[in-house]
Amino acid sequence: MPAFTLYGFHGSTNSDRVRLTLAEGGFTDYELVLVNLHRGEQKSEENLKRNPWGKIPVIAFPEGFTLYESRAICKYLAKKYSFPLLPPDSDIEATALFDQAQSTETLYFAEPAGKIAFEKFVKRLLGLPCNDAVVSDAVRSIEVFFDVAERLLQQNEYMAGKDFTLVDIYYIPLIQRLFACGYGDFILGREAISAWWDRCVNRPAIQKMLAADKGAAVAARN
């Protein structure tokens, strides 16, 4: 029996955040159960029992423990299975910088990036019209974020300091989505941001998972 079940969906940025964490931690003892977002399965009675907000991802353990919200899941898994993706609790300054970087990602990046992804990617899949005003506002916010991040990454190799952490993983799925939506210049047009992105996305475990997902997507289309 696997250690736990991950309820998610390929192509869900929140699900991929957890899967990338597991890949980087080298952890494979889990079962991935797909919840089809296109069919609305996340709102099913069964999934609402796991997550009252009707969303994914969710992890569920055989003994009954269940957890939702991707960042909370990533942090829990990293602590439970000792993935080297968090500063040691004994280093309170590094932990504070991690918390600061985590708040920055959530407050200043994820919200506008998520709006762009929804308007330009998800709505296209659903056959719905894009709200250009929402995209324009989000683009302005993202420009400001990356301008500040560019300055910060001229001093540090990673978002929370000198080491690769969960915070860097948190960015990867939505940045991939920005590339898919035609906004790669946000990253590639800034030297320090581009170098940071290369360091993150070219890590062996990350590359392995991304390549496997790309291959699965191509196979599904054929």
C-alpha atoms as a PDB file:
ATOM      1  CA  MET A   1       0.000   0.000   0.000  1.00  0.00           C
ATOM      2  CA  PRO A   2       1.377   3.456  -0.891  1.00  0.00           C
ATOM      3  CA  ALA A   3       2.174   5.882   1.896  1.00  0.00           C
ATOM      4  CA  PHE A   4      -0.582   8.246   0.777  1.00  0.00           C
ATOM      5  CA  THR A   5      -2.833   9.208  -2.114  1.00  0.00           C
ATOM      6  CA  LEU A   6      -2.434  12.459  -4.018  1.00  0.00           C
ATOM      7  CA  TYR A   7      -5.630  13.659  -5.666  1.00  0.00           C
ATOM      8  CA  GLY A   8      -4.679  15.968  -8.520  1.00  0.00           C
ATOM      9  CA  PHE A   9      -4.746  16.552 -12.241  1.00  0.00           C
ATOM     10  CA  HIS A  10      -2.035  16.788 -14.903  1.00  0.00           C
ATOM     11  CA  GLY A  11      -1.722  20.397 -16.005  1.00  0.00           C
ATOM     12  CA  SER A  12      -3.071  21.798 -12.752  1.00  0.00           C
ATOM     13  CA  THR A  13      -0.439  24.248 -11.536  1.00  0.00           C
ATOM     14  CA  ASN A  14      -1.354  23.570  -7.908  1.00  0.00           C
ATOM     15  CA  SER A  15      -1.099  19.802  -8.382  1.00  0.00           C
ATOM     16  CA  ASP A  16       2.192  20.177 -10.227  1.00  0.00           C
ATOM     17  CA  ARG A  17       3.595  22.177  -7.322  1.00  0.00           C
ATOM     18  CA  VAL A  18       3.144  19.114  -5.092  1.00  0.00           C
ATOM     19  CA  ARG A  19       4.382  16.682  -7.723  1.00  0.00           C
ATOM     20  CA  LEU A  20       7.535  18.762  -8.264  1.00  0.00           C
ATOM     21  CA  THR A  21       8.183  18.736  -4.519  1.00  0.00           C
ATOM     22  CA  LEU A  22       7.866  14.963  -4.429  1.00  0.00           C
ATOM     23  CA  ALA A  23      10.098  14.633  -7.488  1.00  0.00           C
ATOM     24  CA  GLU A  24      12.775  16.856  -5.954  1.00  0.00           C
ATOM     25  CA  GLY A  25      12.538  14.879  -2.728  1.00  0.00           C
ATOM     26  CA  GLY A  26      12.953  11.629  -4.668  1.00  0.00           C
ATOM     27  CA  PHE A  27       9.732  10.281  -3.156  1.00  0.00           C
ATOM     28  CA  THR A  28       7.668   7.830  -5.222  1.00  0.00           C
ATOM     29  CA  ASP A  29       5.731   5.857  -2.597  1.00  0.00           C
ATOM     30  CA  TYR A  30       2.365   7.462  -3.317  1.00  0.00           C
ATOM     31  CA  GLU A  31      -0.610   6.955  -5.611  1.00  0.00           C
ATOM     32  CA  LEU A  32      -1.745   9.717  -7.947  1.00  0.00           C
ATOM     33  CA  VAL A  33      -5.513   9.686  -8.461  1.00  0.00           C
ATOM     34  CA  LEU A  34      -6.642  12.012 -11.238  1.00  0.00           C
ATOM     35  CA  VAL A  35      -9.567  14.342 -10.578  1.00  0.00           C
ATOM     36  CA  ASN A  36     -10.756  15.596 -13.971  1.00  0.00           C
ATOM     37  CA  LEU A  37     -11.166  19.359 -13.762  1.00  0.00           C
ATOM     38  CA  HIS A  38     -12.715  19.564 -17.232  1.00  0.00           C
ATOM     39  CA  ARG A  39     -15.573  17.360 -16.049  1.00  0.00           C
ATOM     40  CA  GLY A  40     -15.957  19.238 -12.770  1.00  0.00           C
ATOM     41  CA  GLU A  41     -14.971  16.233 -10.671  1.00  0.00           C
ATOM     42  CA  GLN A  42     -13.338  18.552  -8.118  1.00  0.00           C
ATOM     43  CA  LYS A  43     -16.874  19.633  -7.133  1.00  0.00           C
ATOM     44  CA  SER A  44     -18.111  16.065  -6.678  1.00  0.00           C
ATOM     45  CA  GLU A  45     -19.509  15.009  -3.318  1.00  0.00           C
ATOM     46  CA  GLU A  46     -16.571  12.659  -2.889  1.00  0.00           C
ATOM     47  CA  ASN A  47     -13.978  15.392  -3.399  1.00  0.00           C
ATOM     48  CA  LEU A  48     -15.901  17.886  -1.262  1.00  0.00           C
ATOM     49  CA  LYS A  49     -15.457  15.453   1.625  1.00  0.00           C
ATOM     50  CA  ARG A  50     -11.695  15.724   1.105  1.00  0.00           C
ATOM     51  CA  ASN A  51     -11.639  19.462   0.424  1.00  0.00           C
ATOM     52  CA  PRO A  52     -14.704  21.543   1.352  1.00  0.00           C
ATOM     53  CA  TRP A  53     -13.646  24.211  -1.169  1.00  0.00           C
ATOM     54  CA  GLY A  54     -14.011  21.733  -4.016  1.00  0.00           C
ATOM     55  CA  LYS A  55     -10.445  22.053  -5.273  1.00  0.00           C
ATOM     56  CA  ILE A  56      -7.277  20.032  -5.762  1.00  0.00           C
ATOM     57  CA  PRO A  57      -4.692  18.922  -4.775  1.00  0.00           C
ATOM     58  CA  VAL A  58      -5.463  16.890  -1.672  1.00  0.00           C
ATOM     59  CA  ILE A  59      -3.363  14.263   0.048  1.00  0.00           C
ATOM     60  CA  ALA A  60      -4.984  11.489   2.092  1.00  0.00           C
ATOM     61  CA  PHE A  61      -3.240   8.962   4.312  1.00  0.00           C
ATOM     62  CA  PRO A  62      -4.566   5.465   5.092  1.00  0.00           C
ATOM     63  CA  GLU A  63      -4.930   6.350   8.779  1.00  0.00           C
ATOM     64  CA  GLY A  64      -7.328   9.168   7.876  1.00  0.00           C
ATOM     65  CA  PHE A  65      -5.171  12.304   7.859  1.00  0.00           C
ATOM     66  CA  THR A  66      -6.114  14.591   4.952  1.00  0.00           C
ATOM     67  CA  LEU A  67      -4.569  17.883   3.867  1.00  0.00           C
ATOM     68  CA  TYR A  68      -5.391  20.385   1.125  1.00  0.00           C
ATOM     69  CA  GLU A  69      -3.819  23.633  -0.201  1.00  0.00           C
ATOM     70  CA  SER A  70      -0.725  22.989  -2.295  1.00  0.00           C
ATOM     71  CA  ARG A  71       1.805  25.032  -0.332  1.00  0.00           C
ATOM     72  CA  ALA A  72       0.679  23.527   2.970  1.00  0.00           C
ATOM     73  CA  ILE A  73       0.979  20.064   1.405  1.00  0.00           C
ATOM     74  CA  CYS A  74       4.467  20.764   0.060  1.00  0.00           C
ATOM     75  CA  LYS A  75       5.692  22.040   3.411  1.00  0.00           C
ATOM     76  CA  TYR A  76       4.137  19.130   5.306  1.00  0.00           C
ATOM     77  CA  LEU A  77       5.681  16.545   2.976  1.00  0.00           C
ATOM     78  CA  ALA A  78       9.089  18.215   3.134  1.00  0.00           C
ATOM     79  CA  LYS A  79       8.997  18.084   6.940  1.00  0.00           C
ATOM     80  CA  LYS A  80       7.522  14.594   7.217  1.00  0.00           C
ATOM     81  CA  TYR A  81       9.951  12.976   4.786  1.00  0.00           C
ATOM     82  CA  SER A  82      12.964  15.247   5.454  1.00  0.00           C
ATOM     83  CA  PHE A  83      13.301  16.647   1.942  1.00  0.00           C
ATOM     84  CA  PRO A  84      16.244  19.095   1.885  1.00  0.00           C
ATOM     85  CA  LEU A  85      13.970  21.929   0.784  1.00  0.00           C
ATOM     86  CA  LEU A  86      13.493  23.844   4.026  1.00  0.00           C
ATOM     87  CA  PRO A  87      15.962  25.704   6.247  1.00  0.00           C
ATOM     88  CA  PRO A  88      16.695  23.920   9.547  1.00  0.00           C
ATOM     89  CA  ASP A  89      14.418  24.980  12.405  1.00  0.00           C
ATOM     90  CA  SER A  90      17.520  25.842  14.404  1.00  0.00           C
ATOM     91  CA  ASP A  91      18.402  28.618  11.922  1.00  0.00           C
ATOM     92  CA  ILE A  92      15.760  31.160  12.800  1.00  0.00           C
ATOM     93  CA  GLU A  93      17.114  33.819  10.445  1.00  0.00           C
ATOM     94  CA  ALA A  94      17.054  31.480   7.434  1.00  0.00           C
ATOM     95  CA  THR A  95      13.563  30.337   8.444  1.00  0.00           C
ATOM     96  CA  ALA A  96      12.410  33.949   8.653  1.00  0.00           C
ATOM     97  CA  LEU A  97      13.834  34.660   5.187  1.00  0.00           C
ATOM     98  CA  PHE A  98      12.062  31.556   3.869  1.00  0.00           C
ATOM     99  CA  ASP A  99       8.759  32.750   5.339  1.00  0.00           C
ATOM    100  CA  GLN A 100       9.352  36.186   3.855  1.00  0.00           C
ATOM    101  CA  ALA A 101      10.044  34.718   0.406  1.00  0.00           C
ATOM    102  CA  GLN A 102       7.013  32.447   0.676  1.00  0.00           C
ATOM    103  CA  SER A 103       4.773  35.421   1.486  1.00  0.00           C
ATOM    104  CA  THR A 104       6.253  37.358  -1.430  1.00  0.00           C
ATOM    105  CA  GLU A 105       5.458  34.548  -3.873  1.00  0.00           C
ATOM    106  CA  THR A 106       1.881  34.234  -2.637  1.00  0.00           C
ATOM    107  CA  LEU A 107       1.052  37.933  -2.381  1.00  0.00           C
ATOM    108  CA  TYR A 108       2.915  39.540  -5.270  1.00  0.00           C
ATOM    109  CA  PHE A 109       3.360  36.783  -7.855  1.00  0.00           C
ATOM    110  CA  ALA A 110       0.797  33.999  -7.617  1.00  0.00           C
ATOM    111  CA  GLU A 111      -2.301  36.196  -7.711  1.00  0.00           C
ATOM    112  CA  PRO A 112      -1.552  38.152 -10.918  1.00  0.00           C
ATOM    113  CA  ALA A 113       0.159  35.181 -12.588  1.00  0.00           C
ATOM    114  CA  GLY A 114      -2.864  33.056 -11.762  1.00  0.00           C
ATOM    115  CA  LYS A 115      -5.178  35.620 -13.338  1.00  0.00           C
ATOM    116  CA  ILE A 116      -3.161  35.622 -16.561  1.00  0.00           C
ATOM    117  CA  ALA A 117      -3.135  31.820 -16.604  1.00  0.00           C
ATOM    118  CA  PHE A 118      -6.888  31.642 -16.083  1.00  0.00           C
ATOM    119  CA  GLU A 119      -7.773  34.262 -18.670  1.00  0.00           C
ATOM    120  CA  LYS A 120      -5.290  33.235 -21.362  1.00  0.00           C
ATOM    121  CA  PHE A 121      -5.020  29.468 -20.817  1.00  0.00           C
ATOM    122  CA  VAL A 122      -7.933  27.998 -18.870  1.00  0.00           C
ATOM    123  CA  LYS A 123     -10.607  30.058 -20.592  1.00  0.00           C
ATOM    124  CA  ARG A 124      -9.198  29.087 -23.985  1.00  0.00           C
ATOM    125  CA  LEU A 125      -9.563  25.416 -23.054  1.00  0.00           C
ATOM    126  CA  LEU A 126     -13.132  26.052 -21.931  1.00  0.00           C
ATOM    127  CA  GLY A 127     -14.004  28.050 -25.036  1.00  0.00           C
ATOM    128  CA  LEU A 128     -14.667  31.207 -23.026  1.00  0.00           C
ATOM    129  CA  PRO A 129     -13.678  34.781 -23.980  1.00  0.00           C
ATOM    130  CA  CYS A 130     -10.633  36.340 -22.352  1.00  0.00           C
ATOM    131  CA  ASN A 131     -11.166  39.441 -20.188  1.00  0.00           C
ATOM    132  CA  ASP A 132      -8.444  41.705 -21.582  1.00  0.00           C
ATOM    133  CA  ALA A 133      -8.847  44.280 -18.802  1.00  0.00           C
ATOM    134  CA  VAL A 134      -8.084  41.651 -16.163  1.00  0.00           C
ATOM    135  CA  VAL A 135      -5.027  40.535 -18.144  1.00  0.00           C
ATOM    136  CA  SER A 136      -3.753  44.105 -18.540  1.00  0.00           C
ATOM    137  CA  ASP A 137      -3.984  44.779 -14.800  1.00  0.00           C
ATOM    138  CA  ALA A 138      -2.278  41.471 -14.010  1.00  0.00           C
ATOM    139  CA  VAL A 139       0.517  42.142 -16.513  1.00  0.00           C
ATOM    140  CA  ARG A 140       1.274  45.472 -14.835  1.00  0.00           C
ATOM    141  CA  SER A 141       1.470  43.762 -11.444  1.00  0.00           C
ATOM    142  CA  ILE A 142       3.705  41.009 -12.794  1.00  0.00           C
ATOM    143  CA  GLU A 143       6.042  43.562 -14.393  1.00  0.00           C
ATOM    144  CA  VAL A 144       6.461  45.280 -11.022  1.00  0.00           C
ATOM    145  CA  PHE A 145       7.072  41.955  -9.294  1.00  0.00           C
ATOM    146  CA  PHE A 146       9.750  40.827 -11.727  1.00  0.00           C
ATOM    147  CA  ASP A 147      11.481  44.218 -11.616  1.00  0.00           C
ATOM    148  CA  VAL A 148      11.862  43.879  -7.844  1.00  0.00           C
ATOM    149  CA  ALA A 149      12.782  40.179  -8.049  1.00  0.00           C
ATOM    150  CA  GLU A 150      15.470  41.011 -10.613  1.00  0.00           C
ATOM    151  CA  ARG A 151      17.192  43.269  -8.087  1.00  0.00           C
ATOM    152  CA  LEU A 152      16.883  40.707  -5.299  1.00  0.00           C
ATOM    153  CA  LEU A 153      18.276  37.883  -7.423  1.00  0.00           C
ATOM    154  CA  GLN A 154      21.334  39.927  -8.247  1.00  0.00           C
ATOM    155  CA  GLN A 155      22.275  39.314  -4.614  1.00  0.00           C
ATOM    156  CA  ASN A 156      21.021  35.742  -4.094  1.00  0.00           C
ATOM    157  CA  GLU A 157      20.965  32.622  -6.243  1.00  0.00           C
ATOM    158  CA  TYR A 158      17.482  31.606  -5.100  1.00  0.00           C
ATOM    159  CA  MET A 159      14.323  33.294  -3.882  1.00  0.00           C
ATOM    160  CA  ALA A 160      14.924  32.609  -0.179  1.00  0.00           C
ATOM    161  CA  GLY A 161      18.697  33.015  -0.216  1.00  0.00           C
ATOM    162  CA  LYS A 162      21.657  30.913  -1.310  1.00  0.00           C
ATOM    163  CA  ASP A 163      19.859  27.539  -1.331  1.00  0.00           C
ATOM    164  CA  PHE A 164      17.154  26.022  -3.522  1.00  0.00           C
ATOM    165  CA  THR A 165      14.002  25.647  -1.402  1.00  0.00           C
ATOM    166  CA  LEU A 166      10.292  24.982  -1.654  1.00  0.00           C
ATOM    167  CA  VAL A 167       9.742  28.638  -2.489  1.00  0.00           C
ATOM    168  CA  ASP A 168      11.562  28.192  -5.792  1.00  0.00           C
ATOM    169  CA  ILE A 169       9.398  25.160  -6.558  1.00  0.00           C
ATOM    170  CA  TYR A 170       6.268  27.197  -5.845  1.00  0.00           C
ATOM    171  CA  TYR A 171       7.079  29.454  -8.799  1.00  0.00           C
ATOM    172  CA  ILE A 172       7.757  26.782 -11.414  1.00  0.00           C
ATOM    173  CA  PRO A 173       4.230  25.723 -12.509  1.00  0.00           C
ATOM    174  CA  LEU A 174       2.890  29.258 -12.948  1.00  0.00           C
ATOM    175  CA  ILE A 175       6.032  30.452 -14.722  1.00  0.00           C
ATOM    176  CA  GLN A 176       5.632  27.541 -17.115  1.00  0.00           C
ATOM    177  CA  ARG A 177       2.077  28.711 -17.663  1.00  0.00           C
ATOM    178  CA  LEU A 178       3.294  32.250 -18.365  1.00  0.00           C
ATOM    179  CA  PHE A 179       5.575  30.832 -21.060  1.00  0.00           C
ATOM    180  CA  ALA A 180       2.630  28.905 -22.531  1.00  0.00           C
ATOM    181  CA  CYS A 181       0.589  32.118 -22.602  1.00  0.00           C
ATOM    182  CA  GLY A 182       3.300  34.017 -24.497  1.00  0.00           C
ATOM    183  CA  TYR A 183       4.842  35.924 -21.600  1.00  0.00           C
ATOM    184  CA  GLY A 184       8.285  34.324 -21.554  1.00  0.00           C
ATOM    185  CA  ASP A 185       9.950  37.727 -21.867  1.00  0.00           C
ATOM    186  CA  PHE A 186       9.022  38.404 -18.233  1.00  0.00           C
ATOM    187  CA  ILE A 187      11.673  35.833 -17.366  1.00  0.00           C
ATOM    188  CA  LEU A 188      14.073  35.716 -20.312  1.00  0.00           C
ATOM    189  CA  GLY A 189      14.244  39.509 -20.619  1.00  0.00           C
ATOM    190  CA  ARG A 190      15.783  39.917 -17.169  1.00  0.00           C
ATOM    191  CA  GLU A 191      19.307  38.607 -16.655  1.00  0.00           C
ATOM    192  CA  ALA A 192      19.143  37.591 -12.995  1.00  0.00           C
ATOM    193  CA  ILE A 193      15.614  36.159 -13.295  1.00  0.00           C
ATOM    194  CA  SER A 194      16.609  34.180 -16.381  1.00  0.00           C
ATOM    195  CA  ALA A 195      19.700  32.757 -14.643  1.00  0.00           C
ATOM    196  CA  TRP A 196      17.620  31.792 -11.598  1.00  0.00           C
ATOM    197  CA  TRP A 197      15.042  30.103 -13.830  1.00  0.00           C
ATOM    198  CA  ASP A 198      17.758  28.084 -15.565  1.00  0.00           C
ATOM    199  CA  ARG A 199      19.152  26.945 -12.223  1.00  0.00           C
ATOM    200  CA  CYS A 200      15.703  25.816 -11.086  1.00  0.00           C
ATOM    201  CA  VAL A 201      14.249  24.214 -14.179  1.00  0.00           C
ATOM    202  CA  ASN A 202      17.453  22.371 -15.102  1.00  0.00           C
ATOM    203  CA  ARG A 203      17.693  20.493 -11.830  1.00  0.00           C
ATOM    204  CA  PRO A 204      17.715  16.755 -12.712  1.00  0.00           C
ATOM    205  CA  ALA A 205      14.576  15.802 -10.770  1.00  0.00           C
ATOM    206  CA  ILE A 206      12.632  18.758 -12.161  1.00  0.00           C
ATOM    207  CA  GLN A 207      13.789  18.010 -15.708  1.00  0.00           C
ATOM    208  CA  LYS A 208      12.830  14.354 -15.368  1.00  0.00           C
ATOM    209  CA  MET A 209       9.267  15.143 -14.290  1.00  0.00           C
ATOM    210  CA  LEU A 210       8.738  17.878 -16.860  1.00  0.00           C
ATOM    211  CA  ALA A 211      10.050  15.650 -19.643  1.00  0.00           C
ATOM    212  CA  ALA A 212       7.786  12.791 -18.542  1.00  0.00           C
ATOM    213  CA  ASP A 213       4.751  15.093 -18.507  1.00  0.00           C
ATOM    214  CA  LYS A 214       5.616  16.458 -21.928  1.00  0.00           C
ATOM    215  CA  GLY A 215       5.960  12.941 -23.311  1.00  0.00           C
ATOM    216  CA  ALA A 216       2.625  11.902 -21.783  1.00  0.00           C
ATOM    217  CA  ALA A 217       0.920  14.950 -23.281  1.00  0.00           C
ATOM    218  CA  VAL A 218       2.288  14.196 -26.748  1.00  0.00           C
ATOM    219  CA  ALA A 219       1.193  10.563 -26.456  1.00  0.00           C
ATOM    220  CA  ALA A 220      -2.291  11.624 -25.393  1.00  0.00           C
ATOM    221  CA  ARG A 221      -2.655  13.896 -28.448  1.00  0.00           C
ATOM    222  CA  ASN A 222      -1.597  11.046 -30.759  1.00  0.00           C
END
